Each structure stands twice: as structure tokens, then as C-alpha cells.
Amino acid sequence: PAVLIAACISVHHPKWDERPLLVVVKKPETTQDEQSLKKDILAFFEGKVAKWWIPDDVTFIEQMPLTATGKLMKLKLREIYKDHRLAQ
């Protein structure tokens, strides 16, 4: 309920080559801190998808890059997070 929009992209991982990173824009009225929100988001996936599909990290941004028609610009997100490193 605290997520306005989210996108999942792949980022470099030292062991597995690449792993999922979830990029999230919070709803403006959300008062929950990012650390507890991150835990809640990752817990939401448990039991719904395979364990190895669950993103390794969640990062929060103010505004999602969208095209003129309102579609996610995943290429832009991949460019922004190309140097993002996940923990081993």
C-alpha cells in the first residue's frame, strides 16, 4: 500500500553475474521509514515467487523515469544503476 510505482531491473552481482534490483517510488503520504518499508516489500514476495526471483535490494527514488505515453523507461533505469553493486 505504500508503493506508488515500482520497476525491477537487473544489476551486476559479483557471484551470479546479475540479480534483480527493485526501484520504488513511495506514495507521498507514506510515513514508514525506508528500512522497514524495504523489509515489508521483500517479505511481500515470500511464498508468492521463487526464492531466487526475490530482488536482492530495494532502492527508493523520488520520480520514476517514464516515456511520453507513461511507460517505464527501463533503459534509463539500467543506465542510472549500472554501477550499483549488490552485497555478496
N, C-alpha and C. Protein backbone atom coordinates (compact mmCIF):
# COMPACT_ATOMS: atom_id res chain seq x y z
N PRO A 1 0.80 -1.22 0.00
CA PRO A 1 0.00 0.00 0.00
C PRO A 1 0.84 1.28 0.00
N ALA A 2 2.12 1.19 0.35
CA ALA A 2 2.97 2.38 0.41
C ALA A 2 3.70 2.64 -0.91
N VAL A 3 3.54 1.76 -1.90
CA VAL A 3 4.27 1.88 -3.15
C VAL A 3 3.38 2.52 -4.22
N LEU A 4 3.90 3.60 -4.81
CA LEU A 4 3.19 4.26 -5.90
C LEU A 4 3.47 3.57 -7.22
N ILE A 5 4.76 3.34 -7.51
CA ILE A 5 5.17 2.67 -8.74
C ILE A 5 6.51 2.00 -8.49
N ALA A 6 6.72 0.86 -9.15
CA ALA A 6 7.97 0.12 -8.97
C ALA A 6 8.40 -0.51 -10.28
N ALA A 7 9.70 -0.73 -10.41
CA ALA A 7 10.27 -1.41 -11.57
C ALA A 7 11.39 -2.31 -11.08
N CYS A 8 11.52 -3.45 -11.71
CA CYS A 8 12.59 -4.38 -11.36
C CYS A 8 13.55 -4.46 -12.54
N ILE A 9 14.83 -4.23 -12.26
CA ILE A 9 15.86 -4.29 -13.30
C ILE A 9 16.98 -5.20 -12.82
N SER A 10 17.82 -5.61 -13.74
CA SER A 10 18.97 -6.43 -13.35
C SER A 10 20.19 -5.52 -13.17
N VAL A 11 20.99 -5.85 -12.17
CA VAL A 11 22.24 -5.14 -11.93
C VAL A 11 23.34 -6.16 -11.70
N HIS A 12 24.57 -5.70 -11.82
CA HIS A 12 25.72 -6.60 -11.69
C HIS A 12 25.79 -7.21 -10.29
N HIS A 13 26.14 -8.50 -10.24
CA HIS A 13 26.37 -9.21 -8.98
C HIS A 13 27.69 -9.95 -9.13
N PRO A 14 28.57 -9.88 -8.14
CA PRO A 14 29.90 -10.48 -8.27
C PRO A 14 29.89 -12.00 -8.45
N LYS A 15 28.92 -12.68 -7.88
CA LYS A 15 28.90 -14.15 -7.98
C LYS A 15 27.98 -14.63 -9.10
N TRP A 16 26.80 -14.06 -9.21
CA TRP A 16 25.77 -14.57 -10.13
C TRP A 16 25.69 -13.78 -11.43
N ASP A 17 26.61 -12.90 -11.69
CA ASP A 17 26.65 -12.06 -12.88
C ASP A 17 25.60 -10.95 -12.81
N GLU A 18 24.33 -11.29 -12.62
CA GLU A 18 23.32 -10.26 -12.43
C GLU A 18 22.20 -10.77 -11.54
N ARG A 19 21.58 -9.83 -10.84
CA ARG A 19 20.48 -10.14 -9.92
C ARG A 19 19.49 -8.98 -9.97
N PRO A 20 18.25 -9.22 -9.50
CA PRO A 20 17.24 -8.17 -9.57
C PRO A 20 17.40 -7.08 -8.50
N LEU A 21 17.14 -5.85 -8.93
CA LEU A 21 17.09 -4.68 -8.06
C LEU A 21 15.71 -4.07 -8.25
N LEU A 22 15.01 -3.82 -7.17
CA LEU A 22 13.69 -3.22 -7.24
C LEU A 22 13.82 -1.72 -6.99
N VAL A 23 13.35 -0.94 -7.93
CA VAL A 23 13.39 0.53 -7.83
C VAL A 23 11.96 0.99 -7.54
N VAL A 24 11.78 1.72 -6.44
CA VAL A 24 10.44 2.05 -5.93
C VAL A 24 10.27 3.54 -5.72
N VAL A 25 9.08 4.02 -6.08
CA VAL A 25 8.65 5.38 -5.71
C VAL A 25 7.57 5.20 -4.66
N LYS A 26 7.80 5.79 -3.48
CA LYS A 26 6.82 5.69 -2.40
C LYS A 26 5.66 6.65 -2.63
N LYS A 27 4.50 6.29 -2.09
CA LYS A 27 3.38 7.22 -2.12
C LYS A 27 3.72 8.42 -1.24
N PRO A 28 3.28 9.60 -1.62
CA PRO A 28 3.64 10.81 -0.87
C PRO A 28 3.20 10.77 0.60
N GLU A 29 2.08 10.14 0.88
CA GLU A 29 1.57 10.12 2.26
C GLU A 29 2.22 9.05 3.14
N THR A 30 3.15 8.29 2.59
CA THR A 30 3.81 7.23 3.36
C THR A 30 4.71 7.82 4.44
N THR A 31 4.51 7.37 5.67
CA THR A 31 5.33 7.85 6.78
C THR A 31 6.33 6.79 7.24
N GLN A 32 6.22 5.60 6.71
CA GLN A 32 7.10 4.50 7.10
C GLN A 32 8.53 4.77 6.63
N ASP A 33 9.52 4.49 7.49
CA ASP A 33 10.90 4.74 7.09
C ASP A 33 11.33 3.71 6.04
N GLU A 34 12.33 4.07 5.26
CA GLU A 34 12.73 3.26 4.11
C GLU A 34 13.23 1.87 4.50
N GLN A 35 13.92 1.75 5.61
CA GLN A 35 14.45 0.45 6.03
C GLN A 35 13.33 -0.54 6.35
N SER A 36 12.33 -0.11 7.10
CA SER A 36 11.23 -1.02 7.42
C SER A 36 10.35 -1.25 6.20
N LEU A 37 10.22 -0.26 5.34
CA LEU A 37 9.46 -0.43 4.11
C LEU A 37 10.14 -1.44 3.20
N LYS A 38 11.46 -1.38 3.14
CA LYS A 38 12.23 -2.33 2.34
C LYS A 38 11.97 -3.76 2.84
N LYS A 39 11.99 -3.95 4.15
CA LYS A 39 11.72 -5.28 4.72
C LYS A 39 10.31 -5.76 4.37
N ASP A 40 9.33 -4.86 4.46
CA ASP A 40 7.95 -5.22 4.14
C ASP A 40 7.79 -5.59 2.67
N ILE A 41 8.45 -4.85 1.80
CA ILE A 41 8.35 -5.13 0.36
C ILE A 41 8.95 -6.49 0.04
N LEU A 42 10.14 -6.76 0.57
CA LEU A 42 10.78 -8.05 0.31
C LEU A 42 9.99 -9.20 0.93
N ALA A 43 9.40 -8.99 2.09
CA ALA A 43 8.58 -10.02 2.73
C ALA A 43 7.32 -10.31 1.92
N PHE A 44 6.81 -9.32 1.20
CA PHE A 44 5.63 -9.49 0.37
C PHE A 44 5.84 -10.57 -0.69
N PHE A 45 7.05 -10.69 -1.21
CA PHE A 45 7.35 -11.68 -2.25
C PHE A 45 7.43 -13.11 -1.73
N GLU A 46 7.74 -13.28 -0.44
CA GLU A 46 7.93 -14.62 0.11
C GLU A 46 6.67 -15.46 -0.03
N GLY A 47 6.85 -16.65 -0.60
CA GLY A 47 5.73 -17.56 -0.79
C GLY A 47 4.93 -17.29 -2.05
N LYS A 48 5.21 -16.17 -2.73
CA LYS A 48 4.48 -15.83 -3.96
C LYS A 48 5.30 -16.12 -5.21
N VAL A 49 6.61 -15.94 -5.09
CA VAL A 49 7.51 -16.20 -6.21
C VAL A 49 8.67 -17.06 -5.72
N ALA A 50 9.40 -17.64 -6.66
CA ALA A 50 10.56 -18.46 -6.28
C ALA A 50 11.56 -17.61 -5.51
N LYS A 51 12.23 -18.23 -4.55
CA LYS A 51 13.16 -17.53 -3.67
C LYS A 51 14.23 -16.77 -4.45
N TRP A 52 14.73 -17.36 -5.54
CA TRP A 52 15.79 -16.71 -6.31
C TRP A 52 15.28 -15.59 -7.21
N TRP A 53 13.96 -15.41 -7.29
CA TRP A 53 13.38 -14.30 -8.04
C TRP A 53 13.23 -13.04 -7.19
N ILE A 54 13.28 -13.20 -5.88
CA ILE A 54 13.10 -12.06 -4.98
C ILE A 54 14.28 -11.10 -5.15
N PRO A 55 14.02 -9.82 -5.33
CA PRO A 55 15.11 -8.86 -5.52
C PRO A 55 16.10 -8.88 -4.35
N ASP A 56 17.36 -8.67 -4.67
CA ASP A 56 18.40 -8.63 -3.65
C ASP A 56 18.42 -7.31 -2.90
N ASP A 57 17.88 -6.27 -3.50
CA ASP A 57 17.91 -4.96 -2.86
C ASP A 57 16.72 -4.14 -3.37
N VAL A 58 16.33 -3.17 -2.57
CA VAL A 58 15.28 -2.22 -2.92
C VAL A 58 15.88 -0.83 -2.76
N THR A 59 15.71 -0.02 -3.78
CA THR A 59 16.18 1.36 -3.70
C THR A 59 15.00 2.29 -3.97
N PHE A 60 14.99 3.42 -3.29
CA PHE A 60 13.88 4.36 -3.39
C PHE A 60 14.32 5.61 -4.15
N ILE A 61 13.44 6.06 -5.05
CA ILE A 61 13.70 7.27 -5.82
C ILE A 61 12.49 8.18 -5.71
N GLU A 62 12.68 9.43 -6.05
CA GLU A 62 11.60 10.42 -5.95
C GLU A 62 10.64 10.35 -7.13
N GLN A 63 11.20 10.09 -8.34
CA GLN A 63 10.38 10.10 -9.54
C GLN A 63 10.87 9.03 -10.50
N MET A 64 9.93 8.23 -11.03
CA MET A 64 10.25 7.17 -11.97
C MET A 64 10.37 7.76 -13.38
N PRO A 65 11.42 7.41 -14.13
CA PRO A 65 11.52 7.89 -15.50
C PRO A 65 10.47 7.20 -16.38
N LEU A 66 9.62 8.01 -16.99
CA LEU A 66 8.54 7.49 -17.83
C LEU A 66 8.63 8.09 -19.23
N THR A 67 8.12 7.35 -20.21
CA THR A 67 8.06 7.86 -21.58
C THR A 67 6.88 8.82 -21.68
N ALA A 68 6.71 9.42 -22.85
CA ALA A 68 5.60 10.35 -23.07
C ALA A 68 4.25 9.66 -22.96
N THR A 69 4.22 8.34 -23.19
CA THR A 69 2.96 7.59 -23.09
C THR A 69 2.76 6.96 -21.71
N GLY A 70 3.68 7.22 -20.78
CA GLY A 70 3.53 6.74 -19.41
C GLY A 70 4.14 5.37 -19.13
N LYS A 71 4.92 4.85 -20.06
CA LYS A 71 5.57 3.56 -19.85
C LYS A 71 6.91 3.76 -19.14
N LEU A 72 7.32 2.74 -18.38
CA LEU A 72 8.60 2.81 -17.67
C LEU A 72 9.76 2.85 -18.65
N MET A 73 10.74 3.66 -18.34
CA MET A 73 11.95 3.73 -19.15
C MET A 73 13.02 2.86 -18.48
N LYS A 74 12.91 1.54 -18.70
CA LYS A 74 13.85 0.63 -18.05
C LYS A 74 15.28 0.84 -18.53
N LEU A 75 15.46 1.23 -19.77
CA LEU A 75 16.81 1.50 -20.26
C LEU A 75 17.45 2.64 -19.47
N LYS A 76 16.67 3.66 -19.17
CA LYS A 76 17.16 4.78 -18.37
C LYS A 76 17.52 4.31 -16.95
N LEU A 77 16.66 3.46 -16.36
CA LEU A 77 16.95 2.94 -15.02
C LEU A 77 18.22 2.09 -15.04
N ARG A 78 18.38 1.26 -16.06
CA ARG A 78 19.60 0.44 -16.16
C ARG A 78 20.84 1.31 -16.29
N GLU A 79 20.71 2.42 -17.02
CA GLU A 79 21.83 3.34 -17.17
C GLU A 79 22.17 4.00 -15.83
N ILE A 80 21.15 4.42 -15.09
CA ILE A 80 21.36 5.07 -13.79
C ILE A 80 22.02 4.12 -12.80
N TYR A 81 21.58 2.87 -12.79
CA TYR A 81 22.05 1.90 -11.79
C TYR A 81 23.09 0.93 -12.33
N LYS A 82 23.76 1.27 -13.42
CA LYS A 82 24.76 0.36 -14.00
C LYS A 82 25.93 0.11 -13.05
N ASP A 83 26.24 1.04 -12.16
CA ASP A 83 27.34 0.88 -11.22
C ASP A 83 26.88 0.44 -9.82
N HIS A 84 25.59 0.17 -9.67
CA HIS A 84 25.06 -0.27 -8.38
C HIS A 84 25.60 -1.67 -8.08
N ARG A 85 26.15 -1.84 -6.91
CA ARG A 85 26.73 -3.13 -6.52
C ARG A 85 25.91 -3.73 -5.38
N LEU A 86 25.56 -4.99 -5.57
CA LEU A 86 24.82 -5.72 -4.55
C LEU A 86 25.80 -6.41 -3.62
N ALA A 87 25.38 -6.64 -2.39
CA ALA A 87 26.21 -7.35 -1.43
C ALA A 87 26.33 -8.82 -1.85
N GLN A 88 27.45 -9.42 -1.54
CA GLN A 88 27.65 -10.83 -1.89
C GLN A 88 26.89 -11.73 -0.96
